[in-house]
Amino acid sequence: REPPVGLLLLQGASDLNPRELFASGEQGLWLDPSQMSTLYQDSNGVTPCTAAGDPVGLILDQSRGGLSQIGADLVTNGTFAADSNWTKGANWTIGSGVATKTGGAANNLTQTITSTAAAWYRISLDATRTAGTLTVSLGTSGTTYAITATGSYTFYILAGSGTQTLTLAGDSSFAGTVDNVVVRNVPGNHAYQTTSAARPTLQTSGGLWYLSFDGSDDSLLTNAVDFSGTDEMTVIAGVRKLSDAASAMFLESSANVDTNNGAYAITAPGSAGAEKWKYISRGTSTVDALTTSATYNAPNTVVLSASSDISTDSCVLRLSGTQIDSDTGDQGSGNYGNYQLFIGRRNQASLPYNGHLYQLIVRGKTTPTGKLLEAERFVGKKTGVSF
């Protein structure tokens, strides 16, 4: 039984660790730009963010513990102690504790491992290189990393589909060696941007850290986040909107919430500026909760929380601890989908968001009032909003 909301306030309800919201295995994510150790300038997580002004190409989700919950090594014989466990293409040999490739033809060194499609992995290896490029991938059509110099490397890749084969692909001119290959799962739905010009920027003001989206081409995306087991959703975000000049998509599940069943979205603003904040939820039919009040004209900083339940036809928008609107219209049927999340633009192509992101929590479950207030107040501390 929950204590009264007033008692929660007196007890310091902002002491919540958002990871508690995922303690029962709820699907979702928690992005926290104030945790510098989770931010990288590139999408492969090679170069850490260290200061305001750095681009952000990868931010690690903390809902599953991030690096504190990194998995066991999935590679067998990653030190090449024996000529076994690896499939060698022409020009590859294993001996003297290393794998060696000579130039002359493009060929691969591979091993099938127990990784999972659409999950993230941290890979480390040592490489020497005298010519050419060595490209590392996992599965088909995931992200990749290219090695063009001698060194010790640690980087992140998103596993693709199909057979989970770790591939070290040497191009026709690659000549060099590989050693100490380690692959570990990093649980979570991490957000990334492979296009350098489209990365938001890490900034700070008044002791608060945030991602700045330029209202032009900045955006992040995640792997497909599987909410197909639930028809409930909670989104809590610390945000500052800088413009109402045009419709903007702050967060969207799938490429288009208007046409994909089991999707949801937050616009900031919607309808070319008339709808100051709006939450959209769709089972097989679409409903929304919104405000057109001039109180929320840009520039506007709020803790936004949105919740919905497809089967009970609930859709609620709260701003800085106050319920602003609700819609009990028919959302149709079904659960939420297994879609990528897009942050800052629709499908990385349109409706760019101009503003800041201080915190983002997405949870595939509605959240009881007391716990929701705790989470909102936590986000408020990170955003500079008190209520």
Protein backbone atom coordinates (compact mmCIF):
# COMPACT_ATOMS: atom_id res chain seq x y z
CA ARG A 1 0.00 0.00 0.00
CA GLU A 2 1.45 3.42 -1.01
CA PRO A 3 1.86 6.19 1.59
CA PRO A 4 -0.06 9.40 0.86
CA VAL A 5 1.55 11.70 -1.71
CA GLY A 6 1.99 14.43 0.91
CA LEU A 7 3.94 12.04 3.12
CA LEU A 8 6.13 11.12 0.19
CA LEU A 9 6.99 14.77 -0.26
CA LEU A 10 7.91 15.14 3.41
CA GLN A 11 10.07 12.05 3.24
CA GLY A 12 12.19 13.42 0.40
CA ALA A 13 10.63 11.63 -2.52
CA SER A 14 13.41 12.73 -4.90
CA ASP A 15 15.87 10.15 -3.53
CA LEU A 16 14.74 7.56 -6.06
CA ASN A 17 17.34 5.76 -8.14
CA PRO A 18 15.60 5.39 -11.53
CA ARG A 19 17.02 1.90 -11.85
CA GLU A 20 14.38 0.88 -9.29
CA LEU A 21 11.77 1.39 -12.00
CA PHE A 22 13.24 -1.57 -13.87
CA ALA A 23 13.83 -3.87 -10.89
CA SER A 24 11.17 -6.37 -12.00
CA GLY A 25 12.55 -6.66 -15.52
CA GLU A 26 10.52 -3.86 -17.11
CA GLN A 27 11.68 -3.05 -20.63
CA GLY A 28 12.91 0.49 -21.36
CA LEU A 29 15.83 2.85 -20.91
CA TRP A 30 17.31 5.58 -18.72
CA LEU A 31 19.62 8.14 -20.33
CA ASP A 32 21.44 10.51 -17.98
CA PRO A 33 23.78 13.09 -19.58
CA SER A 34 25.05 14.07 -16.12
CA GLN A 35 26.84 10.69 -15.90
CA MET A 36 29.92 11.57 -17.94
CA SER A 37 31.17 7.97 -17.90
CA THR A 38 28.22 6.96 -20.10
CA LEU A 39 28.93 9.46 -22.89
CA TYR A 40 31.16 9.07 -25.95
CA GLN A 41 31.92 11.41 -28.82
CA ASP A 42 31.60 8.71 -31.48
CA SER A 43 29.00 6.00 -32.06
CA ASN A 44 31.49 3.19 -31.33
CA GLY A 45 32.37 4.54 -27.89
CA VAL A 46 36.08 4.96 -28.53
CA THR A 47 36.49 8.59 -27.46
CA PRO A 48 34.90 9.55 -24.11
CA CYS A 49 33.15 12.88 -23.63
CA THR A 50 35.15 14.98 -21.19
CA ALA A 51 33.82 18.54 -21.45
CA ALA A 52 31.01 20.80 -22.58
CA GLY A 53 31.00 21.22 -26.34
CA ASP A 54 31.79 17.58 -27.09
CA PRO A 55 29.54 15.86 -29.62
CA VAL A 56 27.64 12.84 -28.29
CA GLY A 57 27.64 9.83 -30.60
CA LEU A 58 26.79 7.24 -27.95
CA ILE A 59 25.08 7.42 -24.55
CA LEU A 60 24.79 4.24 -22.52
CA ASP A 61 21.44 3.23 -21.07
CA GLN A 62 21.61 2.90 -17.26
CA SER A 63 18.34 1.02 -16.72
CA ARG A 64 20.19 -2.32 -16.62
CA GLY A 65 23.28 -1.02 -14.84
CA GLY A 66 25.37 -0.27 -17.93
CA LEU A 67 29.02 -1.17 -17.51
CA SER A 68 28.44 -2.33 -13.92
CA GLN A 69 26.52 -5.30 -15.35
CA ILE A 70 28.80 -6.15 -18.26
CA GLY A 71 28.67 -9.81 -19.29
CA ALA A 72 31.22 -12.60 -19.48
CA ASP A 73 33.63 -12.96 -22.40
CA LEU A 74 31.86 -14.75 -25.26
CA VAL A 75 34.94 -15.54 -27.34
CA THR A 76 36.72 -18.89 -27.15
CA ASN A 77 40.50 -18.81 -27.64
CA GLY A 78 40.63 -15.05 -28.06
CA THR A 79 44.37 -15.21 -27.26
CA PHE A 80 45.05 -17.60 -30.17
CA ALA A 81 46.88 -19.99 -27.87
CA ALA A 82 46.02 -22.77 -30.33
CA ASP A 83 45.01 -23.01 -33.98
CA SER A 84 41.39 -23.78 -33.11
CA ASN A 85 37.88 -22.30 -32.66
CA TRP A 86 38.31 -19.77 -35.48
CA THR A 87 37.42 -20.12 -39.15
CA LYS A 88 40.25 -18.73 -41.25
CA GLY A 89 39.79 -17.35 -44.72
CA ALA A 90 42.68 -17.44 -47.19
CA ASN A 91 45.62 -15.26 -46.16
CA TRP A 92 44.84 -15.81 -42.44
CA THR A 93 46.98 -18.02 -40.21
CA ILE A 94 47.11 -18.68 -36.46
CA GLY A 95 50.41 -19.26 -34.72
CA SER A 96 52.78 -17.93 -32.07
CA GLY A 97 49.81 -16.64 -30.06
CA VAL A 98 48.39 -14.32 -32.76
CA ALA A 99 46.23 -14.39 -35.87
CA THR A 100 48.04 -13.01 -38.89
CA LYS A 101 46.80 -11.86 -42.27
CA THR A 102 48.89 -11.10 -45.31
CA GLY A 103 47.75 -8.84 -48.14
CA GLY A 104 46.62 -9.93 -51.57
CA ALA A 105 42.92 -10.73 -51.09
CA ALA A 106 40.02 -9.69 -48.90
CA ASN A 107 39.31 -12.46 -46.40
CA ASN A 108 37.77 -12.94 -42.98
CA LEU A 109 38.62 -14.44 -39.62
CA THR A 110 35.38 -15.53 -37.93
CA GLN A 111 33.87 -17.23 -34.89
CA THR A 112 30.20 -17.83 -34.12
CA ILE A 113 29.40 -16.77 -30.56
CA THR A 114 26.35 -16.69 -28.27
CA SER A 115 25.49 -13.05 -28.82
CA THR A 116 22.00 -11.69 -29.51
CA ALA A 117 20.74 -9.61 -32.43
CA ALA A 118 19.96 -5.95 -31.62
CA ALA A 119 22.05 -6.06 -28.43
CA TRP A 120 25.20 -4.09 -27.67
CA TYR A 121 28.68 -5.52 -27.13
CA ARG A 122 31.97 -4.09 -25.97
CA ILE A 123 34.85 -5.52 -27.98
CA SER A 124 38.52 -5.21 -27.14
CA LEU A 125 41.52 -6.46 -29.10
CA ASP A 126 45.14 -5.72 -29.92
CA ALA A 127 46.08 -5.18 -33.55
CA THR A 128 49.18 -4.49 -35.56
CA ARG A 129 48.73 -3.08 -39.01
CA THR A 130 51.19 -2.45 -41.80
CA ALA A 131 48.62 -1.82 -44.57
CA GLY A 132 44.90 -1.77 -45.28
CA THR A 133 41.80 -1.86 -43.05
CA LEU A 134 40.39 -4.44 -40.63
CA THR A 135 36.62 -4.11 -40.06
CA VAL A 136 34.91 -5.72 -37.07
CA SER A 137 31.23 -6.72 -37.11
CA LEU A 138 28.80 -9.03 -35.31
CA GLY A 139 25.85 -10.54 -37.18
CA THR A 140 24.46 -8.96 -40.33
CA SER A 141 23.67 -5.24 -40.80
CA GLY A 142 24.69 -4.17 -37.30
CA THR A 143 27.17 -1.39 -36.63
CA THR A 144 30.84 -1.90 -37.47
CA TYR A 145 34.25 -0.60 -36.44
CA ALA A 146 37.24 -0.09 -38.75
CA ILE A 147 40.85 -0.41 -37.58
CA THR A 148 43.45 1.46 -39.66
CA ALA A 149 46.41 1.69 -37.27
CA THR A 150 48.37 -0.38 -34.80
CA GLY A 151 47.02 -0.20 -31.25
CA SER A 152 44.95 -1.62 -28.41
CA TYR A 153 41.26 -1.01 -29.04
CA THR A 154 38.05 -1.00 -27.03
CA PHE A 155 34.80 -0.13 -28.81
CA TYR A 156 31.07 -0.88 -28.91
CA ILE A 157 29.04 -2.41 -31.72
CA LEU A 158 25.35 -3.24 -32.10
CA ALA A 159 24.88 -6.85 -33.17
CA GLY A 160 23.02 -7.34 -36.41
CA SER A 161 20.58 -10.07 -37.40
CA GLY A 162 21.15 -13.65 -38.51
CA THR A 163 23.86 -15.97 -37.26
CA GLN A 164 25.87 -14.24 -34.56
CA THR A 165 29.24 -14.45 -36.23
CA LEU A 166 32.07 -12.25 -35.02
CA THR A 167 33.83 -11.19 -38.20
CA LEU A 168 37.28 -9.63 -38.50
CA ALA A 169 37.28 -8.63 -42.15
CA GLY A 170 40.62 -7.75 -43.67
CA ASP A 171 40.37 -5.92 -46.97
CA SER A 172 42.56 -6.88 -49.93
CA SER A 173 45.49 -4.82 -48.71
CA PHE A 174 45.22 -5.49 -44.97
CA ALA A 175 48.38 -6.99 -43.50
CA GLY A 176 48.81 -7.34 -39.76
CA THR A 177 48.00 -9.34 -36.64
CA VAL A 178 45.17 -9.63 -34.11
CA ASP A 179 45.35 -10.82 -30.50
CA ASN A 180 43.49 -10.74 -27.16
CA VAL A 181 39.98 -10.60 -28.64
CA VAL A 182 37.25 -10.17 -25.98
CA VAL A 183 33.51 -9.66 -26.56
CA ARG A 184 31.17 -8.81 -23.66
CA ASN A 185 27.51 -7.84 -23.62
CA VAL A 186 26.65 -4.41 -22.22
CA PRO A 187 22.95 -4.69 -21.30
CA GLY A 188 20.59 -1.87 -22.20
CA ASN A 189 19.01 0.09 -25.03
CA HIS A 190 21.84 2.51 -25.74
CA ALA A 191 21.30 5.59 -27.95
CA TYR A 192 23.70 6.45 -30.74
CA GLN A 193 24.30 8.48 -33.89
CA THR A 194 26.61 7.23 -36.64
CA THR A 195 26.56 10.51 -38.61
CA SER A 196 29.02 12.91 -37.01
CA ALA A 197 27.26 16.09 -38.21
CA ALA A 198 23.95 14.92 -36.67
CA ARG A 199 25.19 14.38 -33.12
CA PRO A 200 23.78 16.50 -30.26
CA THR A 201 26.26 18.41 -28.15
CA LEU A 202 27.02 17.97 -24.45
CA GLN A 203 26.53 21.26 -22.60
CA THR A 204 26.31 22.52 -19.04
CA SER A 205 24.69 25.50 -17.35
CA GLY A 206 24.15 26.24 -13.68
CA GLY A 207 25.76 22.95 -12.72
CA LEU A 208 23.30 20.95 -14.86
CA TRP A 209 24.36 18.76 -17.80
CA TYR A 210 22.28 18.23 -20.91
CA LEU A 211 22.31 17.29 -24.57
CA SER A 212 21.68 20.19 -26.93
CA PHE A 213 19.71 19.45 -30.14
CA ASP A 214 20.16 22.13 -32.79
CA GLY A 215 16.69 22.06 -34.40
CA SER A 216 18.24 21.12 -37.73
CA ASP A 217 19.67 17.62 -38.01
CA ASP A 218 20.64 16.45 -34.52
CA SER A 219 19.15 13.16 -33.33
CA LEU A 220 19.84 9.87 -31.58
CA LEU A 221 18.32 6.44 -32.10
CA THR A 222 18.29 3.12 -30.30
CA ASN A 223 18.16 -0.51 -31.26
CA ALA A 224 14.68 -1.97 -31.56
CA VAL A 225 13.21 -1.88 -28.04
CA ASP A 226 10.81 -4.77 -27.59
CA PHE A 227 7.66 -3.59 -25.81
CA SER A 228 5.53 -6.27 -27.45
CA GLY A 229 4.85 -7.87 -24.06
CA THR A 230 3.07 -4.83 -22.62
CA ASP A 231 0.26 -2.41 -23.43
CA GLU A 232 1.42 0.06 -20.75
CA MET A 233 3.94 2.90 -21.04
CA THR A 234 5.56 5.62 -18.93
CA VAL A 235 7.88 8.33 -20.29
CA ILE A 236 9.58 10.85 -17.98
CA ALA A 237 11.87 13.51 -19.43
CA GLY A 238 13.68 16.61 -18.28
CA VAL A 239 13.50 18.93 -21.29
CA ARG A 240 13.88 22.55 -22.34
CA LYS A 241 12.13 23.52 -25.56
CA LEU A 242 13.69 26.50 -27.33
CA SER A 243 11.32 27.08 -30.24
CA ASP A 244 7.65 26.82 -31.19
CA ALA A 245 8.23 27.89 -34.78
CA ALA A 246 7.50 24.48 -36.29
CA SER A 247 6.30 21.04 -35.29
CA ALA A 248 9.07 19.00 -33.71
CA MET A 249 9.40 15.37 -32.66
CA PHE A 250 11.21 15.05 -29.34
CA LEU A 251 10.68 11.29 -29.00
CA GLU A 252 9.04 8.74 -31.29
CA SER A 253 8.67 4.98 -31.24
CA SER A 254 8.92 3.64 -34.81
CA ALA A 255 9.39 5.68 -37.97
CA ASN A 256 5.90 7.20 -37.71
CA VAL A 257 3.44 7.00 -34.81
CA ASP A 258 0.58 7.96 -37.13
CA THR A 259 0.83 4.78 -39.19
CA ASN A 260 2.49 2.13 -36.99
CA ASN A 261 0.36 0.27 -34.47
CA GLY A 262 1.70 0.01 -30.94
CA ALA A 263 3.68 3.25 -31.13
CA TYR A 264 3.94 6.40 -29.03
CA ALA A 265 5.53 9.83 -29.35
CA ILE A 266 6.11 13.23 -27.72
CA THR A 267 6.02 16.40 -29.81
CA ALA A 268 7.62 19.66 -28.70
CA PRO A 269 5.68 21.41 -30.12
CA GLY A 270 2.98 19.81 -32.30
CA SER A 271 0.77 21.33 -34.99
CA ALA A 272 3.25 24.00 -36.04
CA GLY A 273 3.53 25.41 -32.54
CA ALA A 274 -0.10 25.42 -31.42
CA GLU A 275 0.22 22.30 -29.25
CA LYS A 276 2.96 23.24 -26.81
CA TRP A 277 3.57 19.68 -25.55
CA LYS A 278 1.77 16.55 -26.73
CA TYR A 279 1.88 12.85 -25.92
CA ILE A 280 0.52 10.45 -28.54
CA SER A 281 -0.33 6.80 -27.89
CA ARG A 282 -1.55 4.28 -30.44
CA GLY A 283 -2.74 0.69 -30.17
CA THR A 284 -4.62 0.30 -33.43
CA SER A 285 -6.20 3.76 -32.97
CA THR A 286 -4.54 7.02 -31.96
CA VAL A 287 -5.27 9.29 -29.00
CA ASP A 288 -3.31 12.15 -27.45
CA ALA A 289 -3.00 14.34 -24.37
CA LEU A 290 -1.75 17.88 -24.91
CA THR A 291 -1.69 21.53 -23.90
CA THR A 292 -2.14 24.67 -26.00
CA SER A 293 -1.62 27.01 -23.03
CA ALA A 294 0.67 30.00 -23.55
CA THR A 295 2.14 29.15 -20.14
CA TYR A 296 4.25 26.60 -22.01
CA ASN A 297 5.42 28.81 -24.87
CA ALA A 298 9.08 28.39 -25.77
CA PRO A 299 11.51 28.77 -24.19
CA ASN A 300 10.07 26.39 -21.63
CA THR A 301 11.73 23.98 -19.21
CA VAL A 302 9.63 21.19 -17.72
CA VAL A 303 9.67 17.73 -16.27
CA LEU A 304 7.35 15.99 -18.69
CA SER A 305 5.76 12.69 -17.79
CA ALA A 306 3.39 10.76 -19.99
CA SER A 307 1.63 7.50 -19.33
CA SER A 308 -0.77 5.31 -21.24
CA ASP A 309 -2.55 1.98 -21.20
CA ILE A 310 -3.98 0.69 -24.46
CA SER A 311 -6.46 -1.78 -22.98
CA THR A 312 -7.94 0.68 -20.45
CA ASP A 313 -7.89 3.61 -22.92
CA SER A 314 -5.78 5.82 -20.65
CA CYS A 315 -3.50 8.58 -21.96
CA VAL A 316 -2.18 11.18 -19.50
CA LEU A 317 0.20 14.15 -19.77
CA ARG A 318 1.81 15.71 -16.69
CA LEU A 319 4.10 18.75 -16.64
CA SER A 320 6.31 19.41 -13.60
CA GLY A 321 4.17 17.32 -11.28
CA THR A 322 0.75 18.57 -12.44
CA GLN A 323 -1.67 16.64 -14.62
CA ILE A 324 -2.35 18.80 -17.67
CA ASP A 325 -4.57 16.64 -19.83
CA SER A 326 -5.94 13.14 -20.26
CA ASP A 327 -7.71 11.30 -23.05
CA THR A 328 -9.89 8.23 -22.54
CA GLY A 329 -10.62 7.74 -26.22
CA ASP A 330 -10.40 4.29 -27.78
CA GLN A 331 -6.81 3.25 -28.49
CA GLY A 332 -7.88 0.08 -30.21
CA SER A 333 -6.15 -3.13 -29.20
CA GLY A 334 -2.82 -4.88 -28.92
CA ASN A 335 0.47 -4.12 -27.20
CA TYR A 336 3.24 -1.67 -27.95
CA GLY A 337 5.68 -2.74 -30.64
CA ASN A 338 9.27 -3.78 -31.16
CA TYR A 339 10.50 -0.53 -32.68
CA GLN A 340 13.54 1.68 -32.63
CA LEU A 341 13.24 4.87 -30.59
CA PHE A 342 14.14 8.14 -32.30
CA ILE A 343 15.19 11.09 -30.14
CA GLY A 344 15.30 14.57 -31.66
CA ARG A 345 13.87 13.89 -35.13
CA ARG A 346 11.29 11.70 -36.84
CA ASN A 347 13.15 8.70 -38.27
CA GLN A 348 16.32 10.83 -38.39
CA ALA A 349 14.79 12.70 -41.31
CA SER A 350 12.21 15.35 -40.34
CA LEU A 351 10.52 17.40 -37.58
CA PRO A 352 13.78 18.33 -35.77
CA TYR A 353 13.64 19.21 -32.07
CA ASN A 354 15.26 22.45 -30.95
CA GLY A 355 16.09 22.17 -27.26
CA HIS A 356 17.78 20.38 -24.39
CA LEU A 357 17.54 16.89 -22.93
CA TYR A 358 18.53 16.54 -19.26
CA GLN A 359 17.05 13.11 -18.52
CA LEU A 360 15.02 10.48 -20.32
CA ILE A 361 13.29 7.49 -18.73
CA VAL A 362 11.10 5.15 -20.80
CA ARG A 363 9.42 2.28 -18.95
CA GLY A 364 7.11 -0.35 -20.41
CA LYS A 365 4.71 -0.14 -17.50
CA THR A 366 2.40 2.45 -15.99
CA THR A 367 3.82 3.82 -12.74
CA PRO A 368 1.91 4.24 -9.45
CA THR A 369 1.37 7.87 -8.42
CA GLY A 370 3.79 7.84 -5.50
CA LYS A 371 6.63 6.25 -7.46
CA LEU A 372 5.90 8.49 -10.45
CA LEU A 373 6.23 11.56 -8.24
CA GLU A 374 9.54 10.29 -6.91
CA ALA A 375 10.82 9.80 -10.45
CA GLU A 376 9.58 13.22 -11.56
CA ARG A 377 11.31 14.90 -8.63
CA PHE A 378 14.56 13.03 -9.39
CA VAL A 379 14.39 14.28 -12.98
CA GLY A 380 13.49 17.75 -11.68
CA LYS A 381 16.74 17.90 -9.70
CA LYS A 382 18.69 17.05 -12.85
CA THR A 383 16.74 19.61 -14.90
CA GLY A 384 16.64 22.57 -12.50
CA VAL A 385 12.86 22.32 -11.99
CA SER A 386 11.39 22.07 -8.49
CA PHE A 387 7.80 21.29 -7.56
